[in-house]
Amino acid sequence: MKVVVDEEKCVAAGQCVAASMEVFDQRDEDGIVVLLNENPPAELADDVRQAAAVCPALAITIVE
């Protein structure tokens, strides 16, 4: 699994962080997504998929 984020689409809702704080964070200055791990371990896969699903801006893409 590879995670790709589009910072340009991000609306700083923070849903990704709530779903998987091991993989996503937000910049302090504007709340835009920060990808902490583009290749998360298998045990985080469900959380990462949930983060992509709940992103209101569809800024997270998962490549299997």
PDB file of N, CA and C in Angstrom:
ATOM      1  N   MET A   1       0.843  -1.187   0.000  1.00  0.00           N
ATOM      2  CA  MET A   1       0.000   0.000   0.000  1.00  0.00           C
ATOM      3  C   MET A   1       0.883   1.242   0.000  1.00  0.00           C
ATOM      4  N   LYS A   2       0.526   2.160  -0.891  1.00  0.00           N
ATOM      5  CA  LYS A   2       1.199   3.461  -0.917  1.00  0.00           C
ATOM      6  C   LYS A   2       0.115   4.527  -0.785  1.00  0.00           C
ATOM      7  N   VAL A   3       0.387   5.521   0.044  1.00  0.00           N
ATOM      8  CA  VAL A   3      -0.559   6.606   0.275  1.00  0.00           C
ATOM      9  C   VAL A   3      -0.039   7.866  -0.406  1.00  0.00           C
ATOM     10  N   VAL A   4      -0.933   8.538  -1.131  1.00  0.00           N
ATOM     11  CA  VAL A   4      -0.594   9.788  -1.807  1.00  0.00           C
ATOM     12  C   VAL A   4      -1.601  10.835  -1.348  1.00  0.00           C
ATOM     13  N   VAL A   5      -1.108  12.011  -0.974  1.00  0.00           N
ATOM     14  CA  VAL A   5      -2.013  13.098  -0.598  1.00  0.00           C
ATOM     15  C   VAL A   5      -1.826  14.273  -1.544  1.00  0.00           C
ATOM     16  N   ASP A   6      -2.922  14.966  -1.800  1.00  0.00           N
ATOM     17  CA  ASP A   6      -2.899  16.159  -2.635  1.00  0.00           C
ATOM     18  C   ASP A   6      -3.152  17.357  -1.721  1.00  0.00           C
ATOM     19  N   GLU A   7      -2.083  18.017  -1.331  1.00  0.00           N
ATOM     20  CA  GLU A   7      -2.200  19.158  -0.416  1.00  0.00           C
ATOM     21  C   GLU A   7      -3.053  20.272  -0.994  1.00  0.00           C
ATOM     22  N   GLU A   8      -3.083  20.386  -2.307  1.00  0.00           N
ATOM     23  CA  GLU A   8      -3.878  21.431  -2.954  1.00  0.00           C
ATOM     24  C   GLU A   8      -5.380  21.215  -2.750  1.00  0.00           C
ATOM     25  N   LYS A   9      -5.802  19.970  -2.656  1.00  0.00           N
ATOM     26  CA  LYS A   9      -7.214  19.651  -2.443  1.00  0.00           C
ATOM     27  C   LYS A   9      -7.620  19.736  -0.969  1.00  0.00           C
ATOM     28  N   CYS A  10      -6.664  19.529  -0.077  1.00  0.00           N
ATOM     29  CA  CYS A  10      -6.947  19.432   1.356  1.00  0.00           C
ATOM     30  C   CYS A  10      -7.660  20.679   1.880  1.00  0.00           C
ATOM     31  N   VAL A  11      -8.722  20.443   2.664  1.00  0.00           N
ATOM     32  CA  VAL A  11      -9.486  21.549   3.265  1.00  0.00           C
ATOM     33  C   VAL A  11      -9.285  21.628   4.785  1.00  0.00           C
ATOM     34  N   ALA A  12      -8.295  20.895   5.287  1.00  0.00           N
ATOM     35  CA  ALA A  12      -7.894  20.944   6.700  1.00  0.00           C
ATOM     36  C   ALA A  12      -8.989  20.510   7.667  1.00  0.00           C
ATOM     37  N   ALA A  13      -9.790  19.540   7.262  1.00  0.00           N
ATOM     38  CA  ALA A  13     -10.868  19.053   8.129  1.00  0.00           C
ATOM     39  C   ALA A  13     -10.339  18.182   9.266  1.00  0.00           C
ATOM     40  N   GLY A  14      -9.211  17.531   9.058  1.00  0.00           N
ATOM     41  CA  GLY A  14      -8.609  16.722  10.114  1.00  0.00           C
ATOM     42  C   GLY A  14      -9.194  15.329  10.267  1.00  0.00           C
ATOM     43  N   GLN A  15     -10.073  14.922   9.376  1.00  0.00           N
ATOM     44  CA  GLN A  15     -10.676  13.596   9.480  1.00  0.00           C
ATOM     45  C   GLN A  15      -9.630  12.492   9.298  1.00  0.00           C
ATOM     46  N   CYS A  16      -8.624  12.743   8.492  1.00  0.00           N
ATOM     47  CA  CYS A  16      -7.576  11.743   8.271  1.00  0.00           C
ATOM     48  C   CYS A  16      -6.783  11.489   9.550  1.00  0.00           C
ATOM     49  N   VAL A  17      -6.497  12.546  10.279  1.00  0.00           N
ATOM     50  CA  VAL A  17      -5.751  12.411  11.528  1.00  0.00           C
ATOM     51  C   VAL A  17      -6.578  11.637  12.548  1.00  0.00           C
ATOM     52  N   ALA A  18      -7.861  11.928  12.607  1.00  0.00           N
ATOM     53  CA  ALA A  18      -8.742  11.214  13.529  1.00  0.00           C
ATOM     54  C   ALA A  18      -8.793   9.727  13.197  1.00  0.00           C
ATOM     55  N   ALA A  19      -8.721   9.390  11.914  1.00  0.00           N
ATOM     56  CA  ALA A  19      -8.801   7.992  11.489  1.00  0.00           C
ATOM     57  C   ALA A  19      -7.479   7.250  11.648  1.00  0.00           C
ATOM     58  N   SER A  20      -6.359   7.952  11.437  1.00  0.00           N
ATOM     59  CA  SER A  20      -5.056   7.280  11.481  1.00  0.00           C
ATOM     60  C   SER A  20      -3.940   8.273  11.814  1.00  0.00           C
ATOM     61  N   MET A  21      -3.794   8.576  13.086  1.00  0.00           N
ATOM     62  CA  MET A  21      -2.777   9.555  13.498  1.00  0.00           C
ATOM     63  C   MET A  21      -1.346   9.040  13.346  1.00  0.00           C
ATOM     64  N   GLU A  22      -1.195   7.738  13.109  1.00  0.00           N
ATOM     65  CA  GLU A  22       0.139   7.194  12.866  1.00  0.00           C
ATOM     66  C   GLU A  22       0.628   7.515  11.451  1.00  0.00           C
ATOM     67  N   VAL A  23      -0.323   7.816  10.555  1.00  0.00           N
ATOM     68  CA  VAL A  23       0.020   8.037   9.153  1.00  0.00           C
ATOM     69  C   VAL A  23      -0.157   9.497   8.736  1.00  0.00           C
ATOM     70  N   PHE A  24      -1.107  10.201   9.365  1.00  0.00           N
ATOM     71  CA  PHE A  24      -1.413  11.574   8.980  1.00  0.00           C
ATOM     72  C   PHE A  24      -1.267  12.537  10.147  1.00  0.00           C
ATOM     73  N   ASP A  25      -0.893  13.764   9.811  1.00  0.00           N
ATOM     74  CA  ASP A  25      -0.852  14.861  10.773  1.00  0.00           C
ATOM     75  C   ASP A  25      -1.304  16.108  10.024  1.00  0.00           C
ATOM     76  N   GLN A  26      -1.340  17.230  10.728  1.00  0.00           N
ATOM     77  CA  GLN A  26      -1.714  18.493  10.105  1.00  0.00           C
ATOM     78  C   GLN A  26      -0.667  19.550  10.434  1.00  0.00           C
ATOM     79  N   ARG A  27      -0.421  20.434   9.461  1.00  0.00           N
ATOM     80  CA  ARG A  27       0.505  21.542   9.692  1.00  0.00           C
ATOM     81  C   ARG A  27      -0.109  22.497  10.711  1.00  0.00           C
ATOM     82  N   ASP A  28       0.718  22.980  11.593  1.00  0.00           N
ATOM     83  CA  ASP A  28       0.247  23.897  12.640  1.00  0.00           C
ATOM     84  C   ASP A  28      -0.301  25.191  12.070  1.00  0.00           C
ATOM     85  N   GLU A  29       0.337  25.718  11.034  1.00  0.00           N
ATOM     86  CA  GLU A  29      -0.038  27.045  10.538  1.00  0.00           C
ATOM     87  C   GLU A  29      -1.369  27.089   9.793  1.00  0.00           C
ATOM     88  N   ASP A  30      -1.735  25.990   9.108  1.00  0.00           N
ATOM     89  CA  ASP A  30      -2.969  26.051   8.327  1.00  0.00           C
ATOM     90  C   ASP A  30      -3.807  24.777   8.349  1.00  0.00           C
ATOM     91  N   GLY A  31      -3.347  23.762   9.031  1.00  0.00           N
ATOM     92  CA  GLY A  31      -4.118  22.533   9.160  1.00  0.00           C
ATOM     93  C   GLY A  31      -4.071  21.590   7.977  1.00  0.00           C
ATOM     94  N   ILE A  32      -3.289  21.926   6.965  1.00  0.00           N
ATOM     95  CA  ILE A  32      -3.186  21.078   5.776  1.00  0.00           C
ATOM     96  C   ILE A  32      -2.518  19.752   6.145  1.00  0.00           C
ATOM     97  N   VAL A  33      -2.978  18.688   5.509  1.00  0.00           N
ATOM     98  CA  VAL A  33      -2.491  17.344   5.795  1.00  0.00           C
ATOM     99  C   VAL A  33      -0.982  17.220   5.620  1.00  0.00           C
ATOM    100  N   VAL A  34      -0.377  16.433   6.508  1.00  0.00           N
ATOM    101  CA  VAL A  34       1.029  16.060   6.418  1.00  0.00           C
ATOM    102  C   VAL A  34       1.066  14.533   6.422  1.00  0.00           C
ATOM    103  N   LEU A  35       1.672  13.954   5.424  1.00  0.00           N
ATOM    104  CA  LEU A  35       1.785  12.503   5.333  1.00  0.00           C
ATOM    105  C   LEU A  35       3.024  12.064   6.104  1.00  0.00           C
ATOM    106  N   LEU A  36       2.826  11.297   7.154  1.00  0.00           N
ATOM    107  CA  LEU A  36       3.931  10.848   7.995  1.00  0.00           C
ATOM    108  C   LEU A  36       4.582   9.567   7.475  1.00  0.00           C
ATOM    109  N   ASN A  37       3.794   8.734   6.791  1.00  0.00           N
ATOM    110  CA  ASN A  37       4.304   7.459   6.314  1.00  0.00           C
ATOM    111  C   ASN A  37       3.579   7.088   5.027  1.00  0.00           C
ATOM    112  N   GLU A  38       4.263   7.201   3.905  1.00  0.00           N
ATOM    113  CA  GLU A  38       3.603   6.911   2.627  1.00  0.00           C
ATOM    114  C   GLU A  38       3.439   5.418   2.377  1.00  0.00           C
ATOM    115  N   ASN A  39       4.153   4.590   3.123  1.00  0.00           N
ATOM    116  CA  ASN A  39       4.032   3.133   3.015  1.00  0.00           C
ATOM    117  C   ASN A  39       3.753   2.539   4.395  1.00  0.00           C
ATOM    118  N   PRO A  40       2.546   2.737   4.899  1.00  0.00           N
ATOM    119  CA  PRO A  40       2.240   2.261   6.253  1.00  0.00           C
ATOM    120  C   PRO A  40       2.208   0.733   6.322  1.00  0.00           C
ATOM    121  N   PRO A  41       2.466   0.187   7.504  1.00  0.00           N
ATOM    122  CA  PRO A  41       2.435  -1.264   7.667  1.00  0.00           C
ATOM    123  C   PRO A  41       1.013  -1.812   7.490  1.00  0.00           C
ATOM    124  N   ALA A  42       0.934  -3.089   7.190  1.00  0.00           N
ATOM    125  CA  ALA A  42      -0.349  -3.738   6.902  1.00  0.00           C
ATOM    126  C   ALA A  42      -1.362  -3.579   8.023  1.00  0.00           C
ATOM    127  N   GLU A  43      -0.909  -3.541   9.263  1.00  0.00           N
ATOM    128  CA  GLU A  43      -1.852  -3.431  10.380  1.00  0.00           C
ATOM    129  C   GLU A  43      -2.570  -2.080  10.436  1.00  0.00           C
ATOM    130  N   LEU A  44      -2.077  -1.096   9.690  1.00  0.00           N
ATOM    131  CA  LEU A  44      -2.734   0.214   9.635  1.00  0.00           C
ATOM    132  C   LEU A  44      -3.588   0.391   8.376  1.00  0.00           C
ATOM    133  N   ALA A  45      -3.628  -0.610   7.525  1.00  0.00           N
ATOM    134  CA  ALA A  45      -4.310  -0.491   6.236  1.00  0.00           C
ATOM    135  C   ALA A  45      -5.782  -0.108   6.375  1.00  0.00           C
ATOM    136  N   ASP A  46      -6.490  -0.738   7.293  1.00  0.00           N
ATOM    137  CA  ASP A  46      -7.915  -0.423   7.458  1.00  0.00           C
ATOM    138  C   ASP A  46      -8.121   1.021   7.895  1.00  0.00           C
ATOM    139  N   ASP A  47      -7.277   1.500   8.814  1.00  0.00           N
ATOM    140  CA  ASP A  47      -7.376   2.890   9.273  1.00  0.00           C
ATOM    141  C   ASP A  47      -7.088   3.872   8.148  1.00  0.00           C
ATOM    142  N   VAL A  48      -6.100   3.554   7.320  1.00  0.00           N
ATOM    143  CA  VAL A  48      -5.741   4.431   6.211  1.00  0.00           C
ATOM    144  C   VAL A  48      -6.856   4.463   5.171  1.00  0.00           C
ATOM    145  N   ARG A  49      -7.446   3.319   4.894  1.00  0.00           N
ATOM    146  CA  ARG A  49      -8.577   3.283   3.958  1.00  0.00           C
ATOM    147  C   ARG A  49      -9.752   4.094   4.505  1.00  0.00           C
ATOM    148  N   GLN A  50      -9.968   4.007   5.808  1.00  0.00           N
ATOM    149  CA  GLN A  50     -11.032   4.795   6.434  1.00  0.00           C
ATOM    150  C   GLN A  50     -10.736   6.298   6.303  1.00  0.00           C
ATOM    151  N   ALA A  51      -9.488   6.673   6.507  1.00  0.00           N
ATOM    152  CA  ALA A  51      -9.099   8.081   6.372  1.00  0.00           C
ATOM    153  C   ALA A  51      -9.387   8.591   4.966  1.00  0.00           C
ATOM    154  N   ALA A  52      -9.061   7.791   3.958  1.00  0.00           N
ATOM    155  CA  ALA A  52      -9.330   8.188   2.574  1.00  0.00           C
ATOM    156  C   ALA A  52     -10.827   8.299   2.325  1.00  0.00           C
ATOM    157  N   ALA A  53     -11.589   7.386   2.907  1.00  0.00           N
ATOM    158  CA  ALA A  53     -13.038   7.374   2.692  1.00  0.00           C
ATOM    159  C   ALA A  53     -13.737   8.573   3.322  1.00  0.00           C
ATOM    160  N   VAL A  54     -13.243   9.038   4.461  1.00  0.00           N
ATOM    161  CA  VAL A  54     -13.920  10.143   5.163  1.00  0.00           C
ATOM    162  C   VAL A  54     -13.381  11.523   4.797  1.00  0.00           C
ATOM    163  N   CYS A  55     -12.347  11.577   3.974  1.00  0.00           N
ATOM    164  CA  CYS A  55     -11.784  12.873   3.578  1.00  0.00           C
ATOM    165  C   CYS A  55     -12.812  13.649   2.743  1.00  0.00           C
ATOM    166  N   PRO A  56     -13.274  14.798   3.240  1.00  0.00           N
ATOM    167  CA  PRO A  56     -14.301  15.546   2.504  1.00  0.00           C
ATOM    168  C   PRO A  56     -13.807  16.123   1.178  1.00  0.00           C
ATOM    169  N   ALA A  57     -12.502  16.286   1.038  1.00  0.00           N
ATOM    170  CA  ALA A  57     -11.945  16.860  -0.185  1.00  0.00           C
ATOM    171  C   ALA A  57     -11.416  15.791  -1.148  1.00  0.00           C
ATOM    172  N   LEU A  58     -11.494  14.530  -0.740  1.00  0.00           N
ATOM    173  CA  LEU A  58     -10.949  13.419  -1.544  1.00  0.00           C
ATOM    174  C   LEU A  58      -9.479  13.662  -1.884  1.00  0.00           C
ATOM    175  N   ALA A  59      -8.737  14.122  -0.893  1.00  0.00           N
ATOM    176  CA  ALA A  59      -7.334  14.473  -1.089  1.00  0.00           C
ATOM    177  C   ALA A  59      -6.376  13.316  -0.851  1.00  0.00           C
ATOM    178  N   ILE A  60      -6.910  12.154  -0.463  1.00  0.00           N
ATOM    179  CA  ILE A  60      -6.078  10.989  -0.161  1.00  0.00           C
ATOM    180  C   ILE A  60      -6.349   9.895  -1.184  1.00  0.00           C
ATOM    181  N   THR A  61      -5.278   9.406  -1.791  1.00  0.00           N
ATOM    182  CA  THR A  61      -5.365   8.305  -2.745  1.00  0.00           C
ATOM    183  C   THR A  61      -4.538   7.152  -2.215  1.00  0.00           C
ATOM    184  N   ILE A  62      -5.080   5.948  -2.349  1.00  0.00           N
ATOM    185  CA  ILE A  62      -4.356   4.751  -1.937  1.00  0.00           C
ATOM    186  C   ILE A  62      -4.046   3.939  -3.176  1.00  0.00           C
ATOM    187  N   VAL A  63      -2.768   3.578  -3.324  1.00  0.00           N
ATOM    188  CA  VAL A  63      -2.327   2.751  -4.433  1.00  0.00           C
ATOM    189  C   VAL A  63      -1.984   1.385  -3.848  1.00  0.00           C
ATOM    190  N   GLU A  64      -2.696   0.363  -4.296  1.00  0.00           N
ATOM    191  CA  GLU A  64      -2.461  -0.996  -3.767  1.00  0.00           C
ATOM    192  C   GLU A  64      -1.358  -1.678  -4.524  1.00  0.00           C
TER     193      GLU A  64
END
